[in-house]
Amino acid sequence: MARRRRGRPVNGILVLDKPAGQSSNGVLQAAKRLYYAAKAGHTGSLDPLATGVLPLCFGEATKFSQFLLDSDKTYRSTFVLGVKTATGDAEGEELSRINAGNINETTVLNALESFRGEITQVPSMFSALKHNGQPLYKLAREGKEVERKKRQVNIFELTLEAFRGDHEHPQVDVYIHCSKGTYVRSIAEDLGEMLGCGAHVSALRRVQAGPFSEQQSVTLEQLESLRDADAFADLDNLLQPVEAAIGHLPALTLIEDVAYYLLHGQPVLVPKAPTEGLVRLHREDGSLLGVGEIQDDGRVAPRRLIATG
């Protein structure tokens, strides 16, 4: 007999404004408790130092979390020049400190040119990537270092928003729009190496994750206030629809007979379907069925479907 899941059957996506100093899993568990939700998951970690947009998936939305994990991200960050740390951010042990007051804004602007477009990064030992099942950051805290494969990432936009250079350790504010898997701390560290002074991230805020922006985000304090007032309807109204995770996919509408066969696992023919790729599937009444994939013979095969009860 299957164990019954405790909690409410909450479905949707919460765009949380993650506070500094807390882990992504920690705020996920806090939000899950506040909603008294039966099932929840996040869509990729933000460092404890970081704040900002962290989409949390509840219920049926967890089936589509990979689409948000794979999406582009946008950050605002501050780099400190002249100070190198073990973690590449302000939480790590200081490794070196030199006077970088001779570096000016023009030098930084010229150096940033090298970080636009497709670049190669070596993931930090303090990242959440796993090696033999263990997160790298756990190994790093044990004093261990393992070889990491280089990865290609894409920096679509990298803008210098401010340069404060009237002291020994200039501060550089940047705006970064990048592909999945980009490590902002690696950009800071690599910039510091290029400038010959070392650098680290002192502040990091994610302002966009896939389709979700910081304007849509809510804080844990807001959620707590509604929970304390037993305003669960208002809590639920803060959720983005499940479909928001896959809104970028082409949409197809299935008549009821065709939807029946698809829901029973069978590929189906749908008029005017794309010739390849993933598609978003709806019933005639507009309700979401899930995600399908176009097969070589043109039929649409089910890939991720919403539970219909």
Protein backbone atom coordinates (compact mmCIF):
# COMPACT_ATOMS: atom_id res chain seq x y z
CA MET A 1 0.00 0.00 0.00
CA ALA A 2 1.45 3.38 -1.05
CA ARG A 3 2.16 5.82 1.76
CA ARG A 4 -0.17 8.77 1.70
CA ARG A 5 1.62 12.09 1.18
CA ARG A 6 1.01 14.63 3.93
CA GLY A 7 0.05 18.21 3.13
CA ARG A 8 -2.19 20.12 0.77
CA PRO A 9 -2.29 19.34 -2.98
CA VAL A 10 -0.77 22.70 -3.98
CA ASN A 11 0.07 23.13 -7.69
CA GLY A 12 1.96 26.06 -9.20
CA ILE A 13 5.21 28.02 -9.15
CA LEU A 14 6.22 30.40 -6.39
CA VAL A 15 8.68 33.09 -7.44
CA LEU A 16 10.52 33.53 -4.15
CA ASP A 17 12.86 36.40 -3.34
CA LYS A 18 15.55 34.37 -1.59
CA PRO A 19 17.11 36.16 1.37
CA ALA A 20 20.86 36.31 1.93
CA GLY A 21 22.44 33.84 4.32
CA GLN A 22 20.08 30.93 3.66
CA SER A 23 20.48 27.92 1.40
CA SER A 24 18.11 27.26 -1.49
CA ASN A 25 16.97 24.02 0.12
CA GLY A 26 16.43 25.80 3.42
CA VAL A 27 14.08 28.38 1.92
CA LEU A 28 12.36 25.66 -0.12
CA GLN A 29 11.55 23.72 3.04
CA ALA A 30 10.39 26.91 4.77
CA ALA A 31 8.03 27.76 1.87
CA LYS A 32 6.75 24.19 1.73
CA ARG A 33 5.87 24.36 5.44
CA LEU A 34 4.19 27.75 5.07
CA TYR A 35 2.01 26.41 2.27
CA TYR A 36 1.59 23.07 4.01
CA ALA A 37 2.28 21.66 0.55
CA ALA A 38 2.50 17.94 -0.12
CA LYS A 39 5.25 18.21 -2.73
CA ALA A 40 7.78 20.88 -3.66
CA GLY A 41 11.15 21.32 -5.35
CA HIS A 42 13.46 24.13 -6.44
CA THR A 43 14.87 24.81 -9.89
CA GLY A 44 18.58 25.06 -9.24
CA SER A 45 20.48 26.44 -6.28
CA LEU A 46 21.46 29.98 -5.40
CA ASP A 47 24.47 30.40 -3.12
CA PRO A 48 23.67 31.36 0.50
CA LEU A 49 25.32 34.76 -0.21
CA ALA A 50 22.94 35.38 -3.13
CA THR A 51 19.48 36.92 -3.07
CA GLY A 52 16.70 37.18 -5.60
CA VAL A 53 14.59 35.11 -7.94
CA LEU A 54 14.32 31.45 -6.95
CA PRO A 55 11.35 29.70 -8.59
CA LEU A 56 9.90 26.96 -6.39
CA CYS A 57 7.69 24.31 -7.94
CA PHE A 58 4.75 22.82 -6.06
CA GLY A 59 2.85 19.65 -6.93
CA GLU A 60 2.38 19.07 -10.66
CA ALA A 61 4.77 21.93 -11.46
CA THR A 62 7.68 19.78 -10.23
CA LYS A 63 7.29 17.71 -13.43
CA PHE A 64 8.44 20.72 -15.45
CA SER A 65 11.18 22.09 -13.17
CA GLN A 66 13.87 21.00 -15.64
CA PHE A 67 12.67 23.63 -18.11
CA LEU A 68 13.36 26.33 -15.51
CA LEU A 69 16.68 24.75 -14.56
CA ASP A 70 17.71 24.92 -18.24
CA SER A 71 16.59 28.53 -18.74
CA ASP A 72 18.72 31.67 -19.04
CA LYS A 73 19.44 33.68 -15.89
CA THR A 74 20.14 37.37 -15.21
CA TYR A 75 22.17 38.73 -12.30
CA ARG A 76 23.42 41.94 -10.76
CA SER A 77 26.67 41.49 -8.88
CA THR A 78 29.47 43.42 -7.21
CA PHE A 79 33.09 42.33 -7.63
CA VAL A 80 35.84 43.52 -5.29
CA LEU A 81 39.25 43.85 -6.95
CA GLY A 82 42.49 43.11 -5.13
CA VAL A 83 41.09 40.54 -2.69
CA LYS A 84 41.10 36.84 -3.57
CA THR A 85 39.15 34.29 -1.49
CA ALA A 86 39.06 30.50 -1.37
CA THR A 87 35.41 30.39 -2.48
CA GLY A 88 35.41 33.29 -4.94
CA ASP A 89 32.91 35.15 -2.76
CA ALA A 90 32.84 37.12 0.46
CA GLU A 91 32.14 34.03 2.60
CA GLY A 92 35.46 32.35 1.84
CA GLU A 93 38.81 32.54 3.56
CA GLU A 94 40.93 35.40 2.28
CA LEU A 95 43.88 34.08 0.27
CA SER A 96 45.53 37.32 -0.85
CA ARG A 97 45.10 41.07 -0.62
CA ILE A 98 46.92 43.64 -2.72
CA ASN A 99 46.46 47.28 -3.56
CA ALA A 100 44.47 47.44 -6.82
CA GLY A 101 43.97 51.20 -6.73
CA ASN A 102 45.91 51.61 -9.97
CA ILE A 103 43.15 49.82 -11.93
CA ASN A 104 40.76 52.22 -13.62
CA GLU A 105 37.35 51.93 -15.24
CA THR A 106 38.71 51.79 -18.78
CA THR A 107 40.94 48.83 -17.90
CA VAL A 108 37.98 46.97 -16.45
CA LEU A 109 35.78 47.75 -19.46
CA ASN A 110 38.44 46.40 -21.82
CA ALA A 111 38.89 43.24 -19.73
CA LEU A 112 35.15 42.55 -19.64
CA GLU A 113 35.15 42.27 -23.45
CA SER A 114 36.78 38.85 -23.05
CA PHE A 115 33.82 37.51 -21.10
CA ARG A 116 31.08 38.15 -23.65
CA GLY A 117 29.72 35.46 -25.96
CA GLU A 118 30.70 31.80 -25.62
CA ILE A 119 33.33 31.34 -22.94
CA THR A 120 34.87 28.41 -21.08
CA GLN A 121 34.62 28.10 -17.31
CA VAL A 122 36.01 25.65 -14.77
CA PRO A 123 33.32 25.15 -12.08
CA SER A 124 34.35 26.24 -8.61
CA MET A 125 35.15 23.62 -5.98
CA PHE A 126 32.53 25.42 -3.92
CA SER A 127 29.74 24.76 -6.42
CA ALA A 128 26.87 22.29 -6.00
CA LEU A 129 28.09 20.07 -8.86
CA LYS A 130 28.57 16.48 -7.79
CA HIS A 131 31.62 14.22 -7.97
CA ASN A 132 30.90 10.53 -7.29
CA GLY A 133 27.62 11.54 -5.68
CA GLN A 134 29.13 14.20 -3.39
CA PRO A 135 28.61 17.95 -3.91
CA LEU A 136 31.90 19.65 -4.68
CA TYR A 137 31.44 22.17 -1.87
CA LYS A 138 31.36 19.35 0.69
CA LEU A 139 34.63 17.97 -0.64
CA ALA A 140 36.12 21.48 -0.62
CA ARG A 141 35.18 21.95 3.02
CA GLU A 142 37.04 18.73 3.77
CA GLY A 143 40.12 20.21 2.14
CA LYS A 144 39.81 18.03 -0.96
CA GLU A 145 40.10 19.19 -4.55
CA VAL A 146 39.15 17.15 -7.62
CA GLU A 147 39.60 17.81 -11.31
CA ARG A 148 36.61 19.56 -12.90
CA LYS A 149 35.79 19.50 -16.58
CA LYS A 150 35.69 22.79 -18.40
CA ARG A 151 32.25 23.81 -19.65
CA GLN A 152 31.00 26.12 -22.36
CA VAL A 153 28.58 28.83 -21.28
CA ASN A 154 27.16 31.83 -23.09
CA ILE A 155 27.27 35.37 -21.76
CA PHE A 156 24.59 37.16 -23.77
CA GLU A 157 25.08 40.50 -22.03
CA LEU A 158 27.71 41.80 -19.61
CA THR A 159 27.43 45.46 -18.68
CA LEU A 160 29.51 47.55 -16.31
CA GLU A 161 26.92 49.48 -14.30
CA ALA A 162 29.26 51.26 -11.88
CA PHE A 163 32.94 51.52 -10.99
CA ARG A 164 34.02 52.77 -7.57
CA GLY A 165 37.80 53.09 -7.73
CA ASP A 166 38.77 55.75 -5.22
CA HIS A 167 40.42 53.26 -2.82
CA GLU A 168 42.76 50.25 -2.71
CA HIS A 169 40.05 47.72 -3.60
CA PRO A 170 37.82 49.04 -6.39
CA GLN A 171 34.26 47.76 -6.59
CA VAL A 172 32.75 46.79 -9.92
CA ASP A 173 28.96 46.52 -10.37
CA VAL A 174 27.95 44.34 -13.31
CA TYR A 175 24.75 43.20 -15.02
CA ILE A 176 24.98 39.67 -16.48
CA HIS A 177 22.52 37.82 -18.74
CA CYS A 178 23.83 34.30 -19.21
CA SER A 179 23.01 30.71 -20.10
CA LYS A 180 22.35 27.97 -17.58
CA GLY A 181 25.35 26.68 -15.67
CA THR A 182 27.21 30.00 -15.60
CA TYR A 183 29.13 30.72 -12.39
CA VAL A 184 29.26 34.44 -11.64
CA ARG A 185 32.00 33.87 -9.06
CA SER A 186 34.12 32.30 -11.81
CA ILE A 187 33.71 35.47 -13.89
CA ALA A 188 34.88 37.52 -10.92
CA GLU A 189 37.85 35.24 -10.26
CA ASP A 190 38.86 35.10 -13.93
CA LEU A 191 38.56 38.88 -14.21
CA GLY A 192 40.82 39.24 -11.16
CA GLU A 193 43.38 36.92 -12.73
CA MET A 194 43.27 38.85 -15.99
CA LEU A 195 43.84 42.13 -14.14
CA GLY A 196 46.61 40.56 -12.04
CA CYS A 197 45.08 41.49 -8.71
CA GLY A 198 42.55 38.80 -7.78
CA ALA A 199 38.84 39.45 -7.19
CA HIS A 200 35.78 38.02 -5.52
CA VAL A 201 32.00 38.46 -5.44
CA SER A 202 30.78 40.57 -2.53
CA ALA A 203 27.11 40.73 -3.57
CA LEU A 204 24.97 38.73 -5.97
CA ARG A 205 21.30 39.13 -6.85
CA ARG A 206 19.39 37.12 -9.44
CA VAL A 207 16.89 39.43 -11.10
CA GLN A 208 15.50 37.02 -13.71
CA ALA A 209 15.21 33.24 -14.04
CA GLY A 210 13.62 32.08 -17.29
CA PRO A 211 10.25 33.85 -17.59
CA PHE A 212 10.22 35.07 -13.98
CA SER A 213 11.48 38.46 -12.79
CA GLU A 214 12.12 40.02 -9.39
CA GLN A 215 8.96 42.14 -9.84
CA GLN A 216 6.94 38.91 -9.50
CA SER A 217 8.81 37.68 -6.45
CA VAL A 218 7.58 37.48 -2.86
CA THR A 219 9.46 37.20 0.41
CA LEU A 220 9.26 34.61 3.15
CA GLU A 221 8.03 37.39 5.45
CA GLN A 222 5.06 38.02 3.15
CA LEU A 223 4.24 34.31 3.14
CA GLU A 224 4.53 34.08 6.91
CA SER A 225 2.15 37.01 7.34
CA LEU A 226 -0.50 35.34 5.18
CA ARG A 227 0.00 31.97 6.86
CA ASP A 228 -0.40 33.55 10.31
CA ALA A 229 -3.70 35.05 9.12
CA ASP A 230 -4.83 31.62 7.78
CA ALA A 231 -5.11 33.30 4.35
CA PHE A 232 -4.33 30.19 2.34
CA ALA A 233 -6.42 31.38 -0.61
CA ASP A 234 -4.23 34.49 -0.79
CA LEU A 235 -1.11 32.32 -0.54
CA ASP A 236 -2.31 30.19 -3.43
CA ASN A 237 -3.08 33.30 -5.48
CA LEU A 238 0.61 34.19 -5.33
CA LEU A 239 1.46 31.09 -7.35
CA GLN A 240 2.20 31.31 -11.06
CA PRO A 241 0.37 28.66 -13.14
CA VAL A 242 2.13 25.37 -13.88
CA GLU A 243 2.08 26.31 -17.57
CA ALA A 244 4.36 29.28 -16.92
CA ALA A 245 7.34 26.90 -16.85
CA ILE A 246 6.71 25.77 -20.44
CA GLY A 247 5.13 28.87 -21.97
CA HIS A 248 8.00 29.12 -24.47
CA LEU A 249 7.00 25.84 -26.18
CA PRO A 250 4.69 25.79 -29.24
CA ALA A 251 1.09 25.05 -28.23
CA LEU A 252 -1.19 22.37 -29.67
CA THR A 253 -4.86 21.79 -28.91
CA LEU A 254 -6.12 18.20 -28.90
CA ILE A 255 -9.73 17.19 -29.46
CA GLU A 256 -11.10 14.93 -26.72
CA ASP A 257 -10.73 11.63 -28.60
CA VAL A 258 -7.10 12.38 -29.41
CA ALA A 259 -6.41 13.58 -25.85
CA TYR A 260 -7.81 10.29 -24.53
CA TYR A 261 -5.29 8.19 -26.45
CA LEU A 262 -2.40 10.51 -25.56
CA LEU A 263 -3.26 10.31 -21.86
CA HIS A 264 -3.08 6.53 -22.17
CA GLY A 265 0.48 6.74 -23.42
CA GLN A 266 -0.10 6.51 -27.15
CA PRO A 267 1.47 8.81 -29.78
CA VAL A 268 -1.20 10.70 -31.71
CA LEU A 269 -1.53 12.68 -34.93
CA VAL A 270 -2.32 16.37 -34.45
CA PRO A 271 -3.04 18.66 -37.43
CA LYS A 272 -0.61 21.54 -38.02
CA ALA A 273 1.90 20.22 -35.48
CA PRO A 274 5.55 21.32 -35.74
CA THR A 275 7.90 18.91 -37.49
CA GLU A 276 10.21 18.42 -34.50
CA GLY A 277 10.88 19.27 -30.89
CA LEU A 278 8.79 19.60 -27.75
CA VAL A 279 5.25 21.00 -27.69
CA ARG A 280 2.80 22.21 -25.07
CA LEU A 281 -0.46 20.26 -25.12
CA HIS A 282 -3.96 21.48 -24.24
CA ARG A 283 -7.51 20.15 -24.22
CA GLU A 284 -10.16 21.98 -26.21
CA ASP A 285 -11.25 23.78 -23.02
CA GLY A 286 -7.75 25.25 -22.70
CA SER A 287 -6.63 23.14 -19.75
CA LEU A 288 -3.04 21.93 -19.79
CA LEU A 289 -2.29 18.28 -20.56
CA GLY A 290 1.48 18.51 -20.42
CA VAL A 291 4.44 18.26 -22.79
CA GLY A 292 4.74 16.09 -25.87
CA GLU A 293 7.52 15.46 -28.39
CA ILE A 294 7.25 15.21 -32.16
CA GLN A 295 8.41 11.81 -33.39
CA ASP A 296 10.10 11.07 -36.73
CA ASP A 297 6.76 9.94 -38.19
CA GLY A 298 5.11 13.25 -37.24
CA ARG A 299 3.04 11.90 -34.36
CA VAL A 300 3.08 13.55 -30.93
CA ALA A 301 4.28 11.30 -28.12
CA PRO A 302 3.55 12.11 -24.44
CA ARG A 303 6.59 13.13 -22.40
CA ARG A 304 5.41 14.88 -19.22
CA LEU A 305 1.69 14.88 -18.43
CA ILE A 306 -0.38 16.60 -15.76
CA ALA A 307 -2.20 14.23 -13.42
CA THR A 308 -5.88 14.39 -14.31
CA GLY A 309 -7.13 12.71 -11.15
